[in-house]
Amino acid sequence: MFKPKAIYFEKEIENYPLGKELMDKYKDIPKIEIENHNAIEEMRKKENKEFGNMKRNLIIGVRKTHKFVENHKVSDYLVPYTSSGCTASCLYCYLVCNYNKCAYLRLFVNREQMLEKIVKTSLKSEKELTFEIGSNSDLILENTITNNLVWTIENFKNTEKGKLTFPTKFDMVEPILPLEHKGKIIVRMSVNPEEIINRVEFGTSRLQGRIEAINKLKEAGYQIGILIAPVIFVENWKELYLQLIQRLESELSSKVKKDVFFEIIFMTYSYVHIKINEEAFPNAIDLYNKDKMTGRGRGKYWYKNEIRQEGEKFFREKMKQYFPNNEIIYIV
């Protein structure tokens, strides 16, 4: 269970039930009042080596930005929701590109306002829409602090139209298993080979726990997707990812394998990652490979086309072999 070192909070959160609840829950934790959760000068000035310690703080505020972004993969819209950032420290975390050292967990207490906009947008649409509510955070993790995911499912289940989806790297799914969700929730579990989880995805659930969570969620009636993400082309990547695919085929339940879908995403990286990881995690694996990567915009890197093409060929062949009846939504 995450216990914050300090709470940074906007005064306005005390006008919301969840804000009051969190302040009471953490009444014994040191608190610092801030004007804006987006601009905590004290945090911005910290050195890169303090990245891990910064992740031990919890920021609580009111979300002001509610812009929906069109998406054309698993969802129709990416939706700003109840949290941003994370307590884990995956070395490749894409939020670091957006927030630099400030990729710590921020909670937003105006959940009623956010869910209301989702419901209204859904009802106005002629077709059924799917909303991605976890693109900036991990809602299974957040739920251990706020119970927001339970609240969301219980308050969304009776809407006439629409679905919600979110990805996760955590196995703490027990609170949502007994809920009546009416098939309106799509849970997508992110997986990687055990070796990569151990060496790269610090503070997340182990592979075994993730697989067990997938089976439990399917038994509870949730629609399931699996992200093999991000694929990292380490020296023995073919061996590692083949073992992962074989393990999924062996350990996933027949119910899961009947209709689970897959997303496959190749890792992107950045100069910001390099500098933070060098100082905050000096003994960790170096994910930047100048022979395999090329520039992708200012200060960003991704794998060269020939590497990506080889990766796509490998995954399409192996997935067809072990999961011939399951759809790969995309490979990027």
C-alpha atoms as a PDB file:
ATOM      1  CA  MET A   1       0.000   0.000   0.000  1.00  0.00           C
ATOM      2  CA  PHE A   2       1.388   3.384  -1.042  1.00  0.00           C
ATOM      3  CA  LYS A   3       2.039   5.727   1.878  1.00  0.00           C
ATOM      4  CA  PRO A   4       3.017   9.214   0.711  1.00  0.00           C
ATOM      5  CA  LYS A   5       5.956  11.062   2.177  1.00  0.00           C
ATOM      6  CA  ALA A   6       4.117  14.374   1.820  1.00  0.00           C
ATOM      7  CA  ILE A   7       0.837  15.721   0.425  1.00  0.00           C
ATOM      8  CA  TYR A   8       0.828  18.745  -1.880  1.00  0.00           C
ATOM      9  CA  PHE A   9      -2.747  20.041  -2.201  1.00  0.00           C
ATOM     10  CA  GLU A  10      -4.812  22.798  -3.725  1.00  0.00           C
ATOM     11  CA  LYS A  11      -7.075  24.495  -1.186  1.00  0.00           C
ATOM     12  CA  GLU A  12     -10.057  24.030  -3.506  1.00  0.00           C
ATOM     13  CA  ILE A  13     -10.065  20.243  -3.020  1.00  0.00           C
ATOM     14  CA  GLU A  14     -11.749  20.724   0.346  1.00  0.00           C
ATOM     15  CA  ASN A  15     -14.925  21.734  -1.553  1.00  0.00           C
ATOM     16  CA  TYR A  16     -15.267  18.174  -2.879  1.00  0.00           C
ATOM     17  CA  PRO A  17     -16.258  15.012  -0.955  1.00  0.00           C
ATOM     18  CA  LEU A  18     -13.246  13.061  -2.255  1.00  0.00           C
ATOM     19  CA  GLY A  19     -10.923  15.906  -1.323  1.00  0.00           C
ATOM     20  CA  LYS A  20     -12.186  15.908   2.248  1.00  0.00           C
ATOM     21  CA  GLU A  21     -11.940  12.119   2.360  1.00  0.00           C
ATOM     22  CA  LEU A  22      -8.303  12.101   1.208  1.00  0.00           C
ATOM     23  CA  MET A  23      -7.273  14.867   3.584  1.00  0.00           C
ATOM     24  CA  ASP A  24      -8.775  12.886   6.454  1.00  0.00           C
ATOM     25  CA  LYS A  25      -7.240   9.614   5.234  1.00  0.00           C
ATOM     26  CA  TYR A  26      -3.799  11.205   5.264  1.00  0.00           C
ATOM     27  CA  LYS A  27      -4.306  13.452   8.281  1.00  0.00           C
ATOM     28  CA  ASP A  28      -0.991  12.317   9.786  1.00  0.00           C
ATOM     29  CA  ILE A  29       1.029  13.002   6.608  1.00  0.00           C
ATOM     30  CA  PRO A  30       2.865  16.366   6.255  1.00  0.00           C
ATOM     31  CA  LYS A  31       0.961  18.719   3.943  1.00  0.00           C
ATOM     32  CA  ILE A  32       2.020  21.626   1.742  1.00  0.00           C
ATOM     33  CA  GLU A  33      -0.597  23.915   0.200  1.00  0.00           C
ATOM     34  CA  ILE A  34      -0.002  24.811  -3.459  1.00  0.00           C
ATOM     35  CA  GLU A  35      -1.683  27.189  -5.890  1.00  0.00           C
ATOM     36  CA  ASN A  36      -1.584  24.935  -8.953  1.00  0.00           C
ATOM     37  CA  HIS A  37      -0.878  21.221  -9.289  1.00  0.00           C
ATOM     38  CA  ASN A  38       0.685  21.927 -12.697  1.00  0.00           C
ATOM     39  CA  ALA A  39       3.295  24.342 -11.385  1.00  0.00           C
ATOM     40  CA  ILE A  40       4.977  23.229  -8.177  1.00  0.00           C
ATOM     41  CA  GLU A  41       8.190  25.236  -8.392  1.00  0.00           C
ATOM     42  CA  GLU A  42       9.865  23.309  -5.581  1.00  0.00           C
ATOM     43  CA  MET A  43       9.472  20.066  -7.524  1.00  0.00           C
ATOM     44  CA  ARG A  44      10.543  21.465 -10.883  1.00  0.00           C
ATOM     45  CA  LYS A  45      13.830  22.653  -9.406  1.00  0.00           C
ATOM     46  CA  LYS A  46      14.818  19.270  -7.974  1.00  0.00           C
ATOM     47  CA  GLU A  47      17.720  17.419  -9.570  1.00  0.00           C
ATOM     48  CA  ASN A  48      17.181  14.361 -11.746  1.00  0.00           C
ATOM     49  CA  LYS A  49      18.611  12.096  -9.058  1.00  0.00           C
ATOM     50  CA  GLU A  50      15.623  13.042  -6.855  1.00  0.00           C
ATOM     51  CA  PHE A  51      13.160  11.477  -9.335  1.00  0.00           C
ATOM     52  CA  GLY A  52      12.514   8.390  -7.187  1.00  0.00           C
ATOM     53  CA  ASN A  53      11.991  10.443  -4.040  1.00  0.00           C
ATOM     54  CA  MET A  54       9.602  12.789  -5.844  1.00  0.00           C
ATOM     55  CA  LYS A  55       7.461   9.766  -6.698  1.00  0.00           C
ATOM     56  CA  ARG A  56       6.878   9.273  -2.971  1.00  0.00           C
ATOM     57  CA  ASN A  57       4.846  12.479  -2.793  1.00  0.00           C
ATOM     58  CA  LEU A  58       1.142  12.729  -3.583  1.00  0.00           C
ATOM     59  CA  ILE A  59      -0.367  15.755  -5.291  1.00  0.00           C
ATOM     60  CA  ILE A  60      -4.108  16.409  -4.942  1.00  0.00           C
ATOM     61  CA  GLY A  61      -5.917  19.010  -7.004  1.00  0.00           C
ATOM     62  CA  VAL A  62      -8.884  19.860  -9.211  1.00  0.00           C
ATOM     63  CA  ARG A  63      -8.650  19.013 -12.908  1.00  0.00           C
ATOM     64  CA  LYS A  64      -9.308  22.070 -15.035  1.00  0.00           C
ATOM     65  CA  THR A  65      -8.631  20.577 -18.479  1.00  0.00           C
ATOM     66  CA  HIS A  66     -11.443  18.428 -19.860  1.00  0.00           C
ATOM     67  CA  LYS A  67     -10.621  18.271 -23.573  1.00  0.00           C
ATOM     68  CA  PHE A  68     -11.397  14.951 -25.258  1.00  0.00           C
ATOM     69  CA  VAL A  69      -8.873  13.851 -27.892  1.00  0.00           C
ATOM     70  CA  GLU A  70     -10.032  11.685 -30.779  1.00  0.00           C
ATOM     71  CA  ASN A  71      -8.461   8.242 -30.895  1.00  0.00           C
ATOM     72  CA  HIS A  72      -8.761   5.524 -33.519  1.00  0.00           C
ATOM     73  CA  LYS A  73      -7.406   2.422 -31.826  1.00  0.00           C
ATOM     74  CA  VAL A  74      -9.248   0.754 -28.955  1.00  0.00           C
ATOM     75  CA  SER A  75     -11.249   3.870 -28.027  1.00  0.00           C
ATOM     76  CA  ASP A  76     -12.957   6.779 -29.748  1.00  0.00           C
ATOM     77  CA  TYR A  77     -11.644   9.377 -27.296  1.00  0.00           C
ATOM     78  CA  LEU A  78      -8.778   9.805 -24.866  1.00  0.00           C
ATOM     79  CA  VAL A  79     -10.359  11.407 -21.813  1.00  0.00           C
ATOM     80  CA  PRO A  80      -8.678  13.371 -18.997  1.00  0.00           C
ATOM     81  CA  TYR A  81      -9.800  11.579 -15.868  1.00  0.00           C
ATOM     82  CA  THR A  82      -9.171  11.184 -12.152  1.00  0.00           C
ATOM     83  CA  SER A  83      -5.386  10.898 -12.071  1.00  0.00           C
ATOM     84  CA  SER A  84      -2.174  11.613 -13.910  1.00  0.00           C
ATOM     85  CA  GLY A  85       1.229  10.075 -13.363  1.00  0.00           C
ATOM     86  CA  CYS A  86       2.080   7.057 -11.274  1.00  0.00           C
ATOM     87  CA  THR A  87       3.969   5.810  -8.226  1.00  0.00           C
ATOM     88  CA  ALA A  88       5.863   3.213 -10.284  1.00  0.00           C
ATOM     89  CA  SER A  89       9.098   4.008 -12.146  1.00  0.00           C
ATOM     90  CA  CYS A  90       9.135   2.307 -15.529  1.00  0.00           C
ATOM     91  CA  LEU A  91      12.337   3.439 -17.215  1.00  0.00           C
ATOM     92  CA  TYR A  92      10.570   4.183 -20.516  1.00  0.00           C
ATOM     93  CA  CYS A  93       7.439   5.890 -19.082  1.00  0.00           C
ATOM     94  CA  TYR A  94       5.999   8.130 -21.803  1.00  0.00           C
ATOM     95  CA  LEU A  95       4.626  10.520 -19.174  1.00  0.00           C
ATOM     96  CA  VAL A  96       8.236  11.537 -18.496  1.00  0.00           C
ATOM     97  CA  CYS A  97       8.299  13.028 -22.004  1.00  0.00           C
ATOM     98  CA  ASN A  98       5.322  15.220 -21.076  1.00  0.00           C
ATOM     99  CA  TYR A  99       6.070  16.015 -17.443  1.00  0.00           C
ATOM    100  CA  ASN A 100       9.825  15.416 -17.081  1.00  0.00           C
ATOM    101  CA  LYS A 101      10.680  14.875 -13.400  1.00  0.00           C
ATOM    102  CA  CYS A 102       7.077  15.742 -12.481  1.00  0.00           C
ATOM    103  CA  ALA A 103       5.620  12.389 -13.590  1.00  0.00           C
ATOM    104  CA  TYR A 104       4.513  11.736 -10.001  1.00  0.00           C
ATOM    105  CA  LEU A 105       0.963  10.777  -9.044  1.00  0.00           C
ATOM    106  CA  ARG A 106      -1.585  13.571  -9.162  1.00  0.00           C
ATOM    107  CA  LEU A 107      -5.159  12.916  -8.040  1.00  0.00           C
ATOM    108  CA  PHE A 108      -8.130  15.016  -9.127  1.00  0.00           C
ATOM    109  CA  VAL A 109     -11.134  15.172  -6.832  1.00  0.00           C
ATOM    110  CA  ASN A 110     -13.810  16.537  -9.219  1.00  0.00           C
ATOM    111  CA  ARG A 111     -14.718  13.086 -10.512  1.00  0.00           C
ATOM    112  CA  GLU A 112     -18.444  13.859 -10.771  1.00  0.00           C
ATOM    113  CA  GLN A 113     -17.749  16.628 -13.278  1.00  0.00           C
ATOM    114  CA  MET A 114     -15.487  14.419 -15.387  1.00  0.00           C
ATOM    115  CA  LEU A 115     -17.836  11.439 -15.516  1.00  0.00           C
ATOM    116  CA  GLU A 116     -20.804  13.697 -16.292  1.00  0.00           C
ATOM    117  CA  LYS A 117     -19.070  14.975 -19.430  1.00  0.00           C
ATOM    118  CA  ILE A 118     -18.366  11.397 -20.562  1.00  0.00           C
ATOM    119  CA  VAL A 119     -22.012  10.413 -20.088  1.00  0.00           C
ATOM    120  CA  LYS A 120     -23.335  13.507 -21.893  1.00  0.00           C
ATOM    121  CA  THR A 121     -20.952  12.981 -24.822  1.00  0.00           C
ATOM    122  CA  SER A 122     -21.967   9.341 -25.042  1.00  0.00           C
ATOM    123  CA  LEU A 123     -25.689  10.115 -25.065  1.00  0.00           C
ATOM    124  CA  LYS A 124     -25.327  12.744 -27.810  1.00  0.00           C
ATOM    125  CA  SER A 125     -23.594  10.315 -30.162  1.00  0.00           C
ATOM    126  CA  GLU A 126     -25.498   8.288 -32.728  1.00  0.00           C
ATOM    127  CA  LYS A 127     -23.069   5.385 -32.309  1.00  0.00           C
ATOM    128  CA  GLU A 128     -21.803   3.773 -29.126  1.00  0.00           C
ATOM    129  CA  LEU A 129     -18.537   5.394 -28.062  1.00  0.00           C
ATOM    130  CA  THR A 130     -15.635   3.970 -26.087  1.00  0.00           C
ATOM    131  CA  PHE A 131     -13.729   6.320 -23.782  1.00  0.00           C
ATOM    132  CA  GLU A 132     -10.110   5.726 -22.736  1.00  0.00           C
ATOM    133  CA  ILE A 133      -9.987   6.928 -19.113  1.00  0.00           C
ATOM    134  CA  GLY A 134      -6.530   5.630 -18.212  1.00  0.00           C
ATOM    135  CA  SER A 135      -4.155   7.073 -20.789  1.00  0.00           C
ATOM    136  CA  ASN A 136      -2.314   9.289 -18.272  1.00  0.00           C
ATOM    137  CA  SER A 137      -2.267   7.014 -15.240  1.00  0.00           C
ATOM    138  CA  ASP A 138      -3.004   3.520 -13.940  1.00  0.00           C
ATOM    139  CA  LEU A 139      -6.510   3.298 -12.514  1.00  0.00           C
ATOM    140  CA  ILE A 140      -6.007  -0.067 -10.785  1.00  0.00           C
ATOM    141  CA  LEU A 141      -3.145   1.493  -8.856  1.00  0.00           C
ATOM    142  CA  GLU A 142      -5.053   4.724  -8.232  1.00  0.00           C
ATOM    143  CA  ASN A 143      -8.040   2.762  -6.948  1.00  0.00           C
ATOM    144  CA  THR A 144      -5.992   1.520  -3.988  1.00  0.00           C
ATOM    145  CA  ILE A 145      -5.833   5.152  -2.830  1.00  0.00           C
ATOM    146  CA  THR A 146      -9.131   6.705  -3.936  1.00  0.00           C
ATOM    147  CA  ASN A 147     -11.572   3.866  -4.730  1.00  0.00           C
ATOM    148  CA  ASN A 148     -12.292   5.923  -7.856  1.00  0.00           C
ATOM    149  CA  LEU A 149     -12.440   2.961 -10.220  1.00  0.00           C
ATOM    150  CA  VAL A 150     -15.078   1.247  -8.105  1.00  0.00           C
ATOM    151  CA  TRP A 151     -17.003   4.533  -7.933  1.00  0.00           C
ATOM    152  CA  THR A 152     -16.702   4.998 -11.705  1.00  0.00           C
ATOM    153  CA  ILE A 153     -17.956   1.537 -12.613  1.00  0.00           C
ATOM    154  CA  GLU A 154     -20.866   1.757 -10.193  1.00  0.00           C
ATOM    155  CA  ASN A 155     -21.894   5.174 -11.533  1.00  0.00           C
ATOM    156  CA  PHE A 156     -21.443   4.340 -15.214  1.00  0.00           C
ATOM    157  CA  LYS A 157     -23.113   0.944 -15.401  1.00  0.00           C
ATOM    158  CA  ASN A 158     -26.640   2.271 -15.942  1.00  0.00           C
ATOM    159  CA  THR A 159     -25.832   4.721 -18.723  1.00  0.00           C
ATOM    160  CA  GLU A 160     -27.749   3.992 -21.906  1.00  0.00           C
ATOM    161  CA  LYS A 161     -24.728   3.972 -24.196  1.00  0.00           C
ATOM    162  CA  GLY A 162     -20.964   3.910 -24.089  1.00  0.00           C
ATOM    163  CA  LYS A 163     -18.032   1.922 -22.770  1.00  0.00           C
ATOM    164  CA  LEU A 164     -14.957   2.750 -20.708  1.00  0.00           C
ATOM    165  CA  THR A 165     -11.498   1.276 -21.125  1.00  0.00           C
ATOM    166  CA  PHE A 166      -8.146   1.558 -19.388  1.00  0.00           C
ATOM    167  CA  PRO A 167      -4.757  -0.210 -19.363  1.00  0.00           C
ATOM    168  CA  THR A 168      -2.922  -1.414 -16.262  1.00  0.00           C
ATOM    169  CA  LYS A 169       0.312  -3.028 -15.105  1.00  0.00           C
ATOM    170  CA  PHE A 170      -1.099  -3.958 -11.698  1.00  0.00           C
ATOM    171  CA  ASP A 171      -2.855  -7.014 -10.299  1.00  0.00           C
ATOM    172  CA  MET A 172      -4.884  -5.459  -7.444  1.00  0.00           C
ATOM    173  CA  VAL A 173      -8.193  -6.137  -9.180  1.00  0.00           C
ATOM    174  CA  GLU A 174     -10.149  -7.676  -6.281  1.00  0.00           C
ATOM    175  CA  PRO A 175     -12.201  -4.517  -5.507  1.00  0.00           C
ATOM    176  CA  ILE A 176     -13.783  -4.478  -8.979  1.00  0.00           C
ATOM    177  CA  LEU A 177     -14.414  -8.219  -9.345  1.00  0.00           C
ATOM    178  CA  PRO A 178     -17.805  -8.333  -7.559  1.00  0.00           C
ATOM    179  CA  LEU A 179     -19.170  -5.201  -9.270  1.00  0.00           C
ATOM    180  CA  GLU A 180     -22.097  -5.224 -11.653  1.00  0.00           C
ATOM    181  CA  HIS A 181     -20.586  -3.594 -14.737  1.00  0.00           C
ATOM    182  CA  LYS A 182     -23.032  -4.746 -17.429  1.00  0.00           C
ATOM    183  CA  GLY A 183     -20.228  -5.389 -19.930  1.00  0.00           C
ATOM    184  CA  LYS A 184     -19.440  -1.697 -20.253  1.00  0.00           C
ATOM    185  CA  ILE A 185     -15.796  -1.913 -19.086  1.00  0.00           C
ATOM    186  CA  ILE A 186     -12.815  -3.092 -21.153  1.00  0.00           C
ATOM    187  CA  VAL A 187      -9.720  -3.843 -19.057  1.00  0.00           C
ATOM    188  CA  ARG A 188      -6.416  -4.051 -20.918  1.00  0.00           C
ATOM    189  CA  MET A 189      -3.476  -5.648 -19.132  1.00  0.00           C
ATOM    190  CA  SER A 190       0.031  -4.654 -20.194  1.00  0.00           C
ATOM    191  CA  VAL A 191       2.570  -7.494 -20.169  1.00  0.00           C
ATOM    192  CA  ASN A 192       6.260  -7.934 -20.843  1.00  0.00           C
ATOM    193  CA  PRO A 193       8.746 -10.783 -20.358  1.00  0.00           C
ATOM    194  CA  GLU A 194       9.571 -11.384 -16.695  1.00  0.00           C
ATOM    195  CA  GLU A 195      13.175 -10.293 -17.194  1.00  0.00           C
ATOM    196  CA  ILE A 196      12.088  -6.940 -18.634  1.00  0.00           C
ATOM    197  CA  ILE A 197       9.516  -6.357 -15.881  1.00  0.00           C
ATOM    198  CA  ASN A 198      12.182  -7.004 -13.258  1.00  0.00           C
ATOM    199  CA  ARG A 199      14.838  -4.821 -14.880  1.00  0.00           C
ATOM    200  CA  VAL A 200      12.747  -2.014 -16.358  1.00  0.00           C
ATOM    201  CA  GLU A 201       9.252  -1.750 -14.838  1.00  0.00           C
ATOM    202  CA  PHE A 202      10.127  -0.854 -11.262  1.00  0.00           C
ATOM    203  CA  GLY A 203       7.269  -0.879  -8.768  1.00  0.00           C
ATOM    204  CA  THR A 204       4.743  -2.749 -10.933  1.00  0.00           C
ATOM    205  CA  SER A 205       3.123  -6.172 -10.497  1.00  0.00           C
ATOM    206  CA  ARG A 206       4.968  -9.326 -11.525  1.00  0.00           C
ATOM    207  CA  LEU A 207       3.968 -11.180 -14.692  1.00  0.00           C
ATOM    208  CA  GLN A 208       2.389 -14.053 -12.759  1.00  0.00           C
ATOM    209  CA  GLY A 209       0.135 -11.642 -10.884  1.00  0.00           C
ATOM    210  CA  ARG A 210      -0.895  -9.909 -14.092  1.00  0.00           C
ATOM    211  CA  ILE A 211      -1.839 -13.187 -15.784  1.00  0.00           C
ATOM    212  CA  GLU A 212      -3.835 -14.296 -12.752  1.00  0.00           C
ATOM    213  CA  ALA A 213      -5.583 -10.915 -12.714  1.00  0.00           C
ATOM    214  CA  ILE A 214      -6.574 -11.307 -16.374  1.00  0.00           C
ATOM    215  CA  ASN A 215      -8.192 -14.677 -15.631  1.00  0.00           C
ATOM    216  CA  LYS A 216     -10.049 -13.275 -12.604  1.00  0.00           C
ATOM    217  CA  LEU A 217     -11.326 -10.277 -14.548  1.00  0.00           C
ATOM    218  CA  LYS A 218     -12.602 -12.468 -17.376  1.00  0.00           C
ATOM    219  CA  GLU A 219     -14.324 -14.751 -14.882  1.00  0.00           C
ATOM    220  CA  ALA A 220     -16.032 -11.617 -13.542  1.00  0.00           C
ATOM    221  CA  GLY A 221     -17.332 -10.846 -17.029  1.00  0.00           C
ATOM    222  CA  TYR A 222     -15.024  -8.022 -18.065  1.00  0.00           C
ATOM    223  CA  GLN A 223     -13.966  -7.676 -21.693  1.00  0.00           C
ATOM    224  CA  ILE A 224     -10.193  -8.199 -21.845  1.00  0.00           C
ATOM    225  CA  GLY A 225      -7.412  -6.869 -23.998  1.00  0.00           C
ATOM    226  CA  ILE A 226      -3.695  -7.525 -23.647  1.00  0.00           C
ATOM    227  CA  LEU A 227      -0.970  -5.056 -24.527  1.00  0.00           C
ATOM    228  CA  ILE A 228       2.431  -6.526 -25.273  1.00  0.00           C
ATOM    229  CA  ALA A 229       4.034  -3.227 -24.511  1.00  0.00           C
ATOM    230  CA  PRO A 230       6.370  -1.700 -24.845  1.00  0.00           C
ATOM    231  CA  VAL A 231       8.387  -4.177 -26.843  1.00  0.00           C
ATOM    232  CA  ILE A 232      12.053  -3.531 -26.082  1.00  0.00           C
ATOM    233  CA  PHE A 233      14.531  -4.936 -28.569  1.00  0.00           C
ATOM    234  CA  VAL A 234      17.176  -6.141 -26.146  1.00  0.00           C
ATOM    235  CA  GLU A 235      19.863  -8.562 -27.347  1.00  0.00           C
ATOM    236  CA  ASN A 236      17.782 -11.726 -26.851  1.00  0.00           C
ATOM    237  CA  TRP A 237      14.373 -10.175 -27.519  1.00  0.00           C
ATOM    238  CA  LYS A 238      13.071 -12.937 -29.784  1.00  0.00           C
ATOM    239  CA  GLU A 239      13.725 -15.577 -27.147  1.00  0.00           C
ATOM    240  CA  LEU A 240      12.165 -13.493 -24.373  1.00  0.00           C
ATOM    241  CA  TYR A 241       9.020 -12.527 -26.281  1.00  0.00           C
ATOM    242  CA  LEU A 242       8.490 -16.031 -27.619  1.00  0.00           C
ATOM    243  CA  GLN A 243       8.610 -17.314 -24.036  1.00  0.00           C
ATOM    244  CA  LEU A 244       6.094 -14.625 -23.064  1.00  0.00           C
ATOM    245  CA  ILE A 245       3.683 -15.577 -25.852  1.00  0.00           C
ATOM    246  CA  GLN A 246       4.030 -19.271 -24.970  1.00  0.00           C
ATOM    247  CA  ARG A 247       3.379 -18.517 -21.306  1.00  0.00           C
ATOM    248  CA  LEU A 248       0.268 -16.531 -22.145  1.00  0.00           C
ATOM    249  CA  GLU A 249      -1.024 -19.346 -24.324  1.00  0.00           C
ATOM    250  CA  SER A 250      -0.381 -21.833 -21.506  1.00  0.00           C
ATOM    251  CA  GLU A 251      -1.642 -19.884 -18.495  1.00  0.00           C
ATOM    252  CA  LEU A 252      -4.547 -17.815 -19.778  1.00  0.00           C
ATOM    253  CA  SER A 253      -7.930 -19.433 -19.226  1.00  0.00           C
ATOM    254  CA  SER A 254      -9.959 -20.785 -22.135  1.00  0.00           C
ATOM    255  CA  LYS A 255     -12.512 -18.041 -21.510  1.00  0.00           C
ATOM    256  CA  VAL A 256      -9.843 -15.383 -21.983  1.00  0.00           C
ATOM    257  CA  LYS A 257      -8.383 -16.997 -25.083  1.00  0.00           C
ATOM    258  CA  LYS A 258     -11.809 -17.209 -26.682  1.00  0.00           C
ATOM    259  CA  ASP A 259     -12.041 -13.486 -27.449  1.00  0.00           C
ATOM    260  CA  VAL A 260      -9.088 -11.555 -25.992  1.00  0.00           C
ATOM    261  CA  PHE A 261      -7.582  -8.988 -28.369  1.00  0.00           C
ATOM    262  CA  PHE A 262      -3.977  -7.758 -28.517  1.00  0.00           C
ATOM    263  CA  GLU A 263      -2.179  -4.450 -28.952  1.00  0.00           C
ATOM    264  CA  ILE A 264       1.555  -4.501 -29.686  1.00  0.00           C
ATOM    265  CA  ILE A 265       3.575  -1.335 -29.130  1.00  0.00           C
ATOM    266  CA  PHE A 266       7.295  -0.816 -29.747  1.00  0.00           C
ATOM    267  CA  MET A 267       9.166   1.299 -27.208  1.00  0.00           C
ATOM    268  CA  THR A 268       9.891   4.965 -27.811  1.00  0.00           C
ATOM    269  CA  TYR A 269      12.493   6.795 -25.773  1.00  0.00           C
ATOM    270  CA  SER A 270      13.848  10.299 -25.276  1.00  0.00           C
ATOM    271  CA  TYR A 271      16.793  12.413 -24.213  1.00  0.00           C
ATOM    272  CA  VAL A 272      14.834  13.291 -21.058  1.00  0.00           C
ATOM    273  CA  HIS A 273      14.622   9.595 -20.162  1.00  0.00           C
ATOM    274  CA  ILE A 274      18.347   9.173 -20.672  1.00  0.00           C
ATOM    275  CA  LYS A 275      19.280  12.052 -18.352  1.00  0.00           C
ATOM    276  CA  ILE A 276      16.821  11.142 -15.584  1.00  0.00           C
ATOM    277  CA  ASN A 277      17.618   7.423 -15.662  1.00  0.00           C
ATOM    278  CA  GLU A 278      21.380   8.022 -15.629  1.00  0.00           C
ATOM    279  CA  GLU A 279      21.094   9.993 -12.405  1.00  0.00           C
ATOM    280  CA  ALA A 280      18.083   8.430 -10.656  1.00  0.00           C
ATOM    281  CA  PHE A 281      18.804   4.791 -11.576  1.00  0.00           C
ATOM    282  CA  PRO A 282      22.556   4.647 -12.292  1.00  0.00           C
ATOM    283  CA  ASN A 283      22.718   0.853 -12.019  1.00  0.00           C
ATOM    284  CA  ALA A 284      19.738   0.155 -14.288  1.00  0.00           C
ATOM    285  CA  ILE A 285      19.855  -1.164 -17.851  1.00  0.00           C
ATOM    286  CA  ASP A 286      20.512   1.450 -20.561  1.00  0.00           C
ATOM    287  CA  LEU A 287      17.527   1.374 -22.906  1.00  0.00           C
ATOM    288  CA  TYR A 288      19.041   3.698 -25.486  1.00  0.00           C
ATOM    289  CA  ASN A 289      20.654   1.796 -28.361  1.00  0.00           C
ATOM    290  CA  LYS A 290      22.221   4.091 -30.956  1.00  0.00           C
ATOM    291  CA  ASP A 291      22.600   1.217 -33.433  1.00  0.00           C
ATOM    292  CA  LYS A 292      18.907   0.319 -33.334  1.00  0.00           C
ATOM    293  CA  MET A 293      17.321   3.730 -32.722  1.00  0.00           C
ATOM    294  CA  THR A 294      16.899   6.888 -34.728  1.00  0.00           C
ATOM    295  CA  GLY A 295      15.598  10.382 -34.052  1.00  0.00           C
ATOM    296  CA  ARG A 296      11.861  10.962 -33.959  1.00  0.00           C
ATOM    297  CA  GLY A 297      11.310  14.647 -33.476  1.00  0.00           C
ATOM    298  CA  ARG A 298      13.078  16.874 -31.005  1.00  0.00           C
ATOM    299  CA  GLY A 299      14.937  14.819 -28.401  1.00  0.00           C
ATOM    300  CA  LYS A 300      12.931  11.653 -29.043  1.00  0.00           C
ATOM    301  CA  TYR A 301      13.946   8.269 -30.397  1.00  0.00           C
ATOM    302  CA  TRP A 302      12.312   5.166 -31.776  1.00  0.00           C
ATOM    303  CA  TYR A 303      13.526   1.981 -33.396  1.00  0.00           C
ATOM    304  CA  LYS A 304      14.744   2.156 -36.986  1.00  0.00           C
ATOM    305  CA  ASN A 305      12.350   0.990 -39.691  1.00  0.00           C
ATOM    306  CA  GLU A 306      14.206  -2.256 -40.359  1.00  0.00           C
ATOM    307  CA  ILE A 307      14.079  -3.170 -36.661  1.00  0.00           C
ATOM    308  CA  ARG A 308      10.371  -2.356 -36.475  1.00  0.00           C
ATOM    309  CA  GLN A 309       9.654  -4.354 -39.613  1.00  0.00           C
ATOM    310  CA  GLU A 310      11.515  -7.354 -38.231  1.00  0.00           C
ATOM    311  CA  GLY A 311       9.590  -7.001 -34.974  1.00  0.00           C
ATOM    312  CA  GLU A 312       6.216  -6.814 -36.695  1.00  0.00           C
ATOM    313  CA  LYS A 313       7.005  -9.870 -38.826  1.00  0.00           C
ATOM    314  CA  PHE A 314       8.043 -11.823 -35.709  1.00  0.00           C
ATOM    315  CA  PHE A 315       4.951 -10.934 -33.700  1.00  0.00           C
ATOM    316  CA  ARG A 316       2.492 -11.558 -36.511  1.00  0.00           C
ATOM    317  CA  GLU A 317       4.002 -14.997 -37.138  1.00  0.00           C
ATOM    318  CA  LYS A 318       4.158 -16.047 -33.490  1.00  0.00           C
ATOM    319  CA  MET A 319       0.736 -14.668 -32.581  1.00  0.00           C
ATOM    320  CA  LYS A 320      -0.796 -16.477 -35.556  1.00  0.00           C
ATOM    321  CA  GLN A 321       0.868 -19.659 -34.328  1.00  0.00           C
ATOM    322  CA  TYR A 322      -0.196 -19.414 -30.668  1.00  0.00           C
ATOM    323  CA  PHE A 323      -3.325 -17.223 -30.857  1.00  0.00           C
ATOM    324  CA  PRO A 324      -4.714 -17.933 -34.351  1.00  0.00           C
ATOM    325  CA  ASN A 325      -8.270 -16.862 -33.481  1.00  0.00           C
ATOM    326  CA  ASN A 326      -7.465 -13.597 -31.720  1.00  0.00           C
ATOM    327  CA  GLU A 327      -7.229 -10.171 -33.306  1.00  0.00           C
ATOM    328  CA  ILE A 328      -4.186  -7.919 -33.174  1.00  0.00           C
ATOM    329  CA  ILE A 329      -5.810  -4.473 -33.162  1.00  0.00           C
ATOM    330  CA  TYR A 330      -2.587  -2.774 -34.206  1.00  0.00           C
ATOM    331  CA  ILE A 331       1.204  -2.960 -34.104  1.00  0.00           C
ATOM    332  CA  VAL A 332       2.968   0.396 -33.781  1.00  0.00           C
END
